Amino acid sequence: MNNTDQILTELEQRFFDIPFENSQYQDKAFLITAQHTPARAYRAIGLRMFSKIQAIKELKYGRMLEEVELEELQETIDNPNFNKFEKRKAEIEIERKLSSRGYTNKLLNDAIAELNFLYSELNKFPKYTREQFELEEKEHFNRRLNQQLVAQGAKESLVNMTQVENFDKMVAEAQQVLGHQEPDVQALMEKLEQYEL
């Protein structure tokens, strides 16, 4: 295949906006809704966001170090004290390093898109205190374990998919109750009990 570079460029363009990790729907149904309570969903969003931010930081610092390496390689090429073989090796190394940038940029785009979606979801939630979070834990595990009794594996995932709308209502209730200056956690727990998940 003599046109590998052309195909690779086309693939990078075609798939730039197609998520290679989680889609928005996947995050909504299987990361957020699967948590069974707003506090656990809030936590899951935070964990995923921290993971994405860390990945972006690693990419940033990796790119900065790569720029230094590229400068060093260019100096090797420009320096008359290096022989033609050392210079050719440096040229090949520069080409190799630059050839992965399209894919790296695609992964960065994916991470930023998912981070933006998760941030918009996070803003639907109240800011939980540790106490508020802990008060929802019993309900979380009760719902989770009861669901596992009747639906495991793919069946559990199908149940999660049907619960997205109800879960959004639960999050709105949490925001309404906990978003006030002095939240009434007991009132929230009573409201959450009405939702079948």
C-alpha atoms as a PDB file:
ATOM      1  CA  MET A   1       0.000   0.000   0.000  1.00  0.00           C
ATOM      2  CA  ASN A   2       1.779   3.084  -1.241  1.00  0.00           C
ATOM      3  CA  ASN A   3      -1.024   5.408  -0.170  1.00  0.00           C
ATOM      4  CA  THR A   4      -0.886   4.599   3.569  1.00  0.00           C
ATOM      5  CA  ASP A   5      -0.247   8.225   4.528  1.00  0.00           C
ATOM      6  CA  GLN A   6      -3.233   9.359   2.457  1.00  0.00           C
ATOM      7  CA  ILE A   7      -5.492   6.719   4.044  1.00  0.00           C
ATOM      8  CA  LEU A   8      -4.268   7.615   7.520  1.00  0.00           C
ATOM      9  CA  THR A   9      -4.993  11.293   6.893  1.00  0.00           C
ATOM     10  CA  GLU A  10      -8.482  10.410   5.659  1.00  0.00           C
ATOM     11  CA  LEU A  11      -9.126   8.198   8.710  1.00  0.00           C
ATOM     12  CA  GLU A  12      -7.956  10.930  11.061  1.00  0.00           C
ATOM     13  CA  GLN A  13     -10.339  13.386   9.408  1.00  0.00           C
ATOM     14  CA  ARG A  14     -13.300  10.986   9.301  1.00  0.00           C
ATOM     15  CA  PHE A  15     -12.989   9.877  12.903  1.00  0.00           C
ATOM     16  CA  PHE A  16     -11.838  13.111  14.543  1.00  0.00           C
ATOM     17  CA  ASP A  17     -15.259  13.772  16.109  1.00  0.00           C
ATOM     18  CA  ILE A  18     -16.277  10.134  16.681  1.00  0.00           C
ATOM     19  CA  PRO A  19     -15.628   9.242  20.347  1.00  0.00           C
ATOM     20  CA  PHE A  20     -13.117   6.429  20.818  1.00  0.00           C
ATOM     21  CA  GLU A  21     -13.901   6.386  24.534  1.00  0.00           C
ATOM     22  CA  ASN A  22     -17.317   7.081  26.045  1.00  0.00           C
ATOM     23  CA  SER A  23     -20.069   8.719  24.024  1.00  0.00           C
ATOM     24  CA  GLN A  24     -22.347  11.210  25.773  1.00  0.00           C
ATOM     25  CA  TYR A  25     -25.102   8.609  25.863  1.00  0.00           C
ATOM     26  CA  GLN A  26     -22.720   6.064  27.360  1.00  0.00           C
ATOM     27  CA  ASP A  27     -21.688   8.507  30.092  1.00  0.00           C
ATOM     28  CA  LYS A  28     -25.315   9.379  30.818  1.00  0.00           C
ATOM     29  CA  ALA A  29     -26.693   5.824  30.955  1.00  0.00           C
ATOM     30  CA  PHE A  30     -23.763   3.813  32.252  1.00  0.00           C
ATOM     31  CA  LEU A  31     -21.621   6.232  34.229  1.00  0.00           C
ATOM     32  CA  ILE A  32     -24.218   8.563  35.739  1.00  0.00           C
ATOM     33  CA  THR A  33     -27.581   6.781  35.849  1.00  0.00           C
ATOM     34  CA  ALA A  34     -26.001   3.454  36.830  1.00  0.00           C
ATOM     35  CA  GLN A  35     -25.024   5.003  40.168  1.00  0.00           C
ATOM     36  CA  HIS A  36     -28.632   4.821  41.481  1.00  0.00           C
ATOM     37  CA  THR A  37     -28.425   7.972  43.653  1.00  0.00           C
ATOM     38  CA  PRO A  38     -27.509  11.569  42.841  1.00  0.00           C
ATOM     39  CA  ALA A  39     -24.628  11.631  45.351  1.00  0.00           C
ATOM     40  CA  ARG A  40     -22.999   8.585  43.762  1.00  0.00           C
ATOM     41  CA  ALA A  41     -23.546   9.992  40.271  1.00  0.00           C
ATOM     42  CA  TYR A  42     -21.954  13.262  41.414  1.00  0.00           C
ATOM     43  CA  ARG A  43     -18.955  11.277  42.668  1.00  0.00           C
ATOM     44  CA  ALA A  44     -18.710   9.225  39.440  1.00  0.00           C
ATOM     45  CA  ILE A  45     -18.739  12.398  37.348  1.00  0.00           C
ATOM     46  CA  GLY A  46     -15.992  13.883  39.503  1.00  0.00           C
ATOM     47  CA  LEU A  47     -13.819  10.762  39.243  1.00  0.00           C
ATOM     48  CA  ARG A  48     -14.179  10.648  35.454  1.00  0.00           C
ATOM     49  CA  MET A  49     -13.496  14.394  35.135  1.00  0.00           C
ATOM     50  CA  PHE A  50     -10.345  14.142  37.251  1.00  0.00           C
ATOM     51  CA  SER A  51      -9.209  11.219  35.091  1.00  0.00           C
ATOM     52  CA  LYS A  52      -9.789  13.205  31.878  1.00  0.00           C
ATOM     53  CA  ILE A  53      -8.044  16.294  33.272  1.00  0.00           C
ATOM     54  CA  GLN A  54      -5.050  14.170  34.283  1.00  0.00           C
ATOM     55  CA  ALA A  55      -4.893  12.663  30.796  1.00  0.00           C
ATOM     56  CA  ILE A  56      -4.968  16.149  29.245  1.00  0.00           C
ATOM     57  CA  LYS A  57      -2.176  17.314  31.577  1.00  0.00           C
ATOM     58  CA  GLU A  58      -0.059  14.282  30.675  1.00  0.00           C
ATOM     59  CA  LEU A  59      -0.588  15.021  27.001  1.00  0.00           C
ATOM     60  CA  LYS A  60       0.358  18.679  27.537  1.00  0.00           C
ATOM     61  CA  TYR A  61       3.592  17.862  29.361  1.00  0.00           C
ATOM     62  CA  GLY A  62       4.384  15.038  26.964  1.00  0.00           C
ATOM     63  CA  ARG A  63       3.991  17.451  24.064  1.00  0.00           C
ATOM     64  CA  MET A  64       6.221  20.025  25.777  1.00  0.00           C
ATOM     65  CA  LEU A  65       8.960  17.422  26.295  1.00  0.00           C
ATOM     66  CA  GLU A  66       8.549  16.231  22.721  1.00  0.00           C
ATOM     67  CA  GLU A  67       9.079  19.805  21.493  1.00  0.00           C
ATOM     68  CA  VAL A  68      12.400  19.896  23.358  1.00  0.00           C
ATOM     69  CA  GLU A  69      13.360  16.533  21.809  1.00  0.00           C
ATOM     70  CA  LEU A  70      12.476  17.867  18.353  1.00  0.00           C
ATOM     71  CA  GLU A  71      14.683  20.910  18.930  1.00  0.00           C
ATOM     72  CA  GLU A  72      17.549  18.638  19.998  1.00  0.00           C
ATOM     73  CA  LEU A  73      17.089  16.507  16.898  1.00  0.00           C
ATOM     74  CA  GLN A  74      17.019  19.604  14.691  1.00  0.00           C
ATOM     75  CA  GLU A  75      20.276  20.752  16.286  1.00  0.00           C
ATOM     76  CA  THR A  76      21.799  17.400  15.370  1.00  0.00           C
ATOM     77  CA  ILE A  77      20.737  17.934  11.765  1.00  0.00           C
ATOM     78  CA  ASP A  78      22.062  21.516  11.682  1.00  0.00           C
ATOM     79  CA  ASN A  79      25.357  20.726  13.407  1.00  0.00           C
ATOM     80  CA  PRO A  80      28.208  20.096  10.913  1.00  0.00           C
ATOM     81  CA  ASN A  81      30.026  17.924  13.518  1.00  0.00           C
ATOM     82  CA  PHE A  82      27.495  15.075  13.090  1.00  0.00           C
ATOM     83  CA  ASN A  83      27.891  12.664  10.185  1.00  0.00           C
ATOM     84  CA  LYS A  84      25.237  12.072   7.531  1.00  0.00           C
ATOM     85  CA  PHE A  85      23.963   8.898   9.216  1.00  0.00           C
ATOM     86  CA  GLU A  86      23.363  10.624  12.540  1.00  0.00           C
ATOM     87  CA  LYS A  87      21.579  13.398  10.681  1.00  0.00           C
ATOM     88  CA  ARG A  88      19.376  10.914   8.767  1.00  0.00           C
ATOM     89  CA  LYS A  89      18.502   9.141  12.025  1.00  0.00           C
ATOM     90  CA  ALA A  90      17.520  12.510  13.497  1.00  0.00           C
ATOM     91  CA  GLU A  91      15.347  13.297  10.450  1.00  0.00           C
ATOM     92  CA  ILE A  92      13.605   9.919  10.719  1.00  0.00           C
ATOM     93  CA  GLU A  93      13.047  10.422  14.447  1.00  0.00           C
ATOM     94  CA  ILE A  94      11.491  13.839  13.825  1.00  0.00           C
ATOM     95  CA  GLU A  95       9.179  12.349  11.195  1.00  0.00           C
ATOM     96  CA  ARG A  96       8.217   9.503  13.551  1.00  0.00           C
ATOM     97  CA  LYS A  97       7.414  11.867  16.414  1.00  0.00           C
ATOM     98  CA  LEU A  98       5.339  14.158  14.208  1.00  0.00           C
ATOM     99  CA  SER A  99       3.479  11.283  12.543  1.00  0.00           C
ATOM    100  CA  SER A 100       1.544  10.433  15.734  1.00  0.00           C
ATOM    101  CA  ARG A 101       0.284  13.965  16.306  1.00  0.00           C
ATOM    102  CA  GLY A 102      -2.928  13.562  14.308  1.00  0.00           C
ATOM    103  CA  TYR A 103      -4.056  10.630  16.440  1.00  0.00           C
ATOM    104  CA  THR A 104      -2.925  12.347  19.646  1.00  0.00           C
ATOM    105  CA  ASN A 105      -4.895  15.451  18.670  1.00  0.00           C
ATOM    106  CA  LYS A 106      -7.953  13.256  18.060  1.00  0.00           C
ATOM    107  CA  LEU A 107      -7.653  11.718  21.546  1.00  0.00           C
ATOM    108  CA  LEU A 108      -7.261  15.195  23.021  1.00  0.00           C
ATOM    109  CA  ASN A 109     -10.409  16.301  21.193  1.00  0.00           C
ATOM    110  CA  ASP A 110     -12.249  13.278  22.620  1.00  0.00           C
ATOM    111  CA  ALA A 111     -11.091  14.049  26.154  1.00  0.00           C
ATOM    112  CA  ILE A 112     -12.108  17.720  25.896  1.00  0.00           C
ATOM    113  CA  ALA A 113     -15.521  16.861  24.409  1.00  0.00           C
ATOM    114  CA  GLU A 114     -16.224  14.337  27.176  1.00  0.00           C
ATOM    115  CA  LEU A 115     -14.963  16.740  29.826  1.00  0.00           C
ATOM    116  CA  ASN A 116     -17.297  19.474  28.525  1.00  0.00           C
ATOM    117  CA  PHE A 117     -20.260  17.073  28.582  1.00  0.00           C
ATOM    118  CA  LEU A 118     -19.447  15.871  32.094  1.00  0.00           C
ATOM    119  CA  TYR A 119     -19.052  19.453  33.281  1.00  0.00           C
ATOM    120  CA  SER A 120     -22.515  20.328  31.938  1.00  0.00           C
ATOM    121  CA  GLU A 121     -23.906  17.276  33.780  1.00  0.00           C
ATOM    122  CA  LEU A 122     -22.020  18.200  36.975  1.00  0.00           C
ATOM    123  CA  ASN A 123     -23.665  21.620  36.971  1.00  0.00           C
ATOM    124  CA  LYS A 124     -27.086  19.955  37.299  1.00  0.00           C
ATOM    125  CA  PHE A 125     -26.102  18.699  40.756  1.00  0.00           C
ATOM    126  CA  PRO A 126     -25.883  20.506  44.073  1.00  0.00           C
ATOM    127  CA  LYS A 127     -22.472  20.715  45.736  1.00  0.00           C
ATOM    128  CA  TYR A 128     -22.487  17.793  48.165  1.00  0.00           C
ATOM    129  CA  THR A 129     -20.914  17.819  51.584  1.00  0.00           C
ATOM    130  CA  ARG A 130     -19.381  14.634  52.949  1.00  0.00           C
ATOM    131  CA  GLU A 131     -22.327  14.318  55.355  1.00  0.00           C
ATOM    132  CA  GLN A 132     -24.873  14.641  52.544  1.00  0.00           C
ATOM    133  CA  PHE A 133     -22.970  12.118  50.463  1.00  0.00           C
ATOM    134  CA  GLU A 134     -22.790   9.599  53.317  1.00  0.00           C
ATOM    135  CA  LEU A 135     -26.520   9.912  53.991  1.00  0.00           C
ATOM    136  CA  GLU A 136     -27.295   8.641  50.481  1.00  0.00           C
ATOM    137  CA  GLU A 137     -24.909   5.676  50.677  1.00  0.00           C
ATOM    138  CA  LYS A 138     -27.354   3.235  52.244  1.00  0.00           C
ATOM    139  CA  GLU A 139     -29.933   4.023  49.562  1.00  0.00           C
ATOM    140  CA  HIS A 140     -27.294   3.641  46.842  1.00  0.00           C
ATOM    141  CA  PHE A 141     -26.230   0.184  47.970  1.00  0.00           C
ATOM    142  CA  ASN A 142     -29.799  -0.906  48.659  1.00  0.00           C
ATOM    143  CA  ARG A 143     -30.826   0.004  45.087  1.00  0.00           C
ATOM    144  CA  ARG A 144     -27.660  -1.364  43.534  1.00  0.00           C
ATOM    145  CA  LEU A 145     -27.803  -4.732  45.282  1.00  0.00           C
ATOM    146  CA  ASN A 146     -31.532  -5.146  44.710  1.00  0.00           C
ATOM    147  CA  GLN A 147     -31.058  -4.426  41.008  1.00  0.00           C
ATOM    148  CA  GLN A 148     -28.237  -6.985  40.856  1.00  0.00           C
ATOM    149  CA  LEU A 149     -30.560  -9.589  42.365  1.00  0.00           C
ATOM    150  CA  VAL A 150     -32.943  -9.293  39.438  1.00  0.00           C
ATOM    151  CA  ALA A 151     -30.690  -8.063  36.632  1.00  0.00           C
ATOM    152  CA  GLN A 152     -26.998  -8.740  36.103  1.00  0.00           C
ATOM    153  CA  GLY A 153     -24.625  -8.047  33.245  1.00  0.00           C
ATOM    154  CA  ALA A 154     -26.327  -6.963  30.044  1.00  0.00           C
ATOM    155  CA  LYS A 155     -29.739  -7.128  31.697  1.00  0.00           C
ATOM    156  CA  GLU A 156     -28.562  -4.640  34.341  1.00  0.00           C
ATOM    157  CA  SER A 157     -27.250  -2.345  31.595  1.00  0.00           C
ATOM    158  CA  LEU A 158     -30.614  -2.481  29.806  1.00  0.00           C
ATOM    159  CA  VAL A 159     -32.338  -1.495  33.065  1.00  0.00           C
ATOM    160  CA  ASN A 160     -29.939   1.468  33.402  1.00  0.00           C
ATOM    161  CA  MET A 161     -30.820   2.598  29.885  1.00  0.00           C
ATOM    162  CA  THR A 162     -34.512   2.776  30.764  1.00  0.00           C
ATOM    163  CA  GLN A 163     -33.898   4.829  33.897  1.00  0.00           C
ATOM    164  CA  VAL A 164     -32.201   7.928  32.461  1.00  0.00           C
ATOM    165  CA  GLU A 165     -35.349  10.095  32.583  1.00  0.00           C
ATOM    166  CA  ASN A 166     -36.241   9.081  36.157  1.00  0.00           C
ATOM    167  CA  PHE A 167     -32.682   9.671  37.241  1.00  0.00           C
ATOM    168  CA  ASP A 168     -32.726  13.182  35.771  1.00  0.00           C
ATOM    169  CA  LYS A 169     -35.796  13.869  37.929  1.00  0.00           C
ATOM    170  CA  MET A 170     -33.945  12.582  41.004  1.00  0.00           C
ATOM    171  CA  VAL A 171     -31.026  14.915  40.281  1.00  0.00           C
ATOM    172  CA  ALA A 172     -33.427  17.856  39.918  1.00  0.00           C
ATOM    173  CA  GLU A 173     -34.952  16.960  43.304  1.00  0.00           C
ATOM    174  CA  ALA A 174     -31.489  16.830  44.860  1.00  0.00           C
ATOM    175  CA  GLN A 175     -30.628  20.214  43.390  1.00  0.00           C
ATOM    176  CA  GLN A 176     -33.905  21.678  44.646  1.00  0.00           C
ATOM    177  CA  VAL A 177     -33.480  20.367  48.195  1.00  0.00           C
ATOM    178  CA  LEU A 178     -29.706  20.522  48.663  1.00  0.00           C
ATOM    179  CA  GLY A 179     -29.168  23.672  46.635  1.00  0.00           C
ATOM    180  CA  HIS A 180     -30.553  25.829  49.445  1.00  0.00           C
ATOM    181  CA  GLN A 181     -28.455  27.391  52.212  1.00  0.00           C
ATOM    182  CA  GLU A 182     -29.549  24.872  54.843  1.00  0.00           C
ATOM    183  CA  PRO A 183     -30.385  21.675  52.981  1.00  0.00           C
ATOM    184  CA  ASP A 184     -32.890  19.222  54.405  1.00  0.00           C
ATOM    185  CA  VAL A 185     -31.224  15.883  53.679  1.00  0.00           C
ATOM    186  CA  GLN A 186     -34.044  13.914  55.305  1.00  0.00           C
ATOM    187  CA  ALA A 187     -36.560  15.549  52.969  1.00  0.00           C
ATOM    188  CA  LEU A 188     -34.344  14.608  50.019  1.00  0.00           C
ATOM    189  CA  MET A 189     -34.179  10.963  51.114  1.00  0.00           C
ATOM    190  CA  GLU A 190     -37.962  10.853  51.360  1.00  0.00           C
ATOM    191  CA  LYS A 191     -38.296  12.283  47.848  1.00  0.00           C
ATOM    192  CA  LEU A 192     -35.726   9.857  46.414  1.00  0.00           C
ATOM    193  CA  GLU A 193     -37.611   6.857  47.750  1.00  0.00           C
ATOM    194  CA  GLN A 194     -40.471   7.559  45.337  1.00  0.00           C
ATOM    195  CA  TYR A 195     -38.286   6.831  42.297  1.00  0.00           C
ATOM    196  CA  GLU A 196     -38.103   3.247  41.140  1.00  0.00           C
ATOM    197  CA  LEU A 197     -34.681   2.540  39.714  1.00  0.00           C
END
